């Protein structure tokens, strides 16, 4: 028994001190892990790039609207939507909604003056503004009747690699497309109101302010 234990201990010691290796075997073992880590890092940072691009595109549109002194028309909204898609460089259709909100001191809340969307988002309603998702994100302390412009945008990000499939077929799709939403509030710089007009060459009789 002692001889067996001595032989086993010696074998373990030789194995521990043995520095010989096979490069091909080590490569086969470590390469899949390194590849998964590299692809994961690439996808992770690419998603941040896409979100940053979406944010910047929405900020650009909000800044344009804040400088506008004339009516916003259906053609104007169509052009903004097209511009947003170009700025985000997104292969998927984007969604864009522009709303003008007014603070009401009597009701202690925002009310919707007008709201228009492109890409199928429904118009923003007073009920929507009362929900925590909006009430907690809109600025407080505005004078009665003060208006702000709310620009919302949604983009779909599809990662270049499905990390779930690289791990297991059971996880396929779990690391799939995600939606980025951007929420930007800004005030008009040169006018007190940003008006909507359903007629391209309309006047005050067809405008909503």
Foldseek 3Di string as FASTA:
>chain_A
DVVVVVVVVVVVVCVVPDPDDDPVVVCVVCVLVVVLVVLVVVLVVVVVVLLVQLQVLQVVLQVVLLADDDACEPVNQVVSLVSSCVSSVAPDRKKKKKWKWFQAPVVRFIATQWMDMPPDDDGDGPVNCPDCVNVVPDDDDDPHGFMKMKMKMKGKDFGPDQSLVSVPPVRGPVSGIDMHMYIDIGHRDPDRDHKHAHDPPDDPVRITD
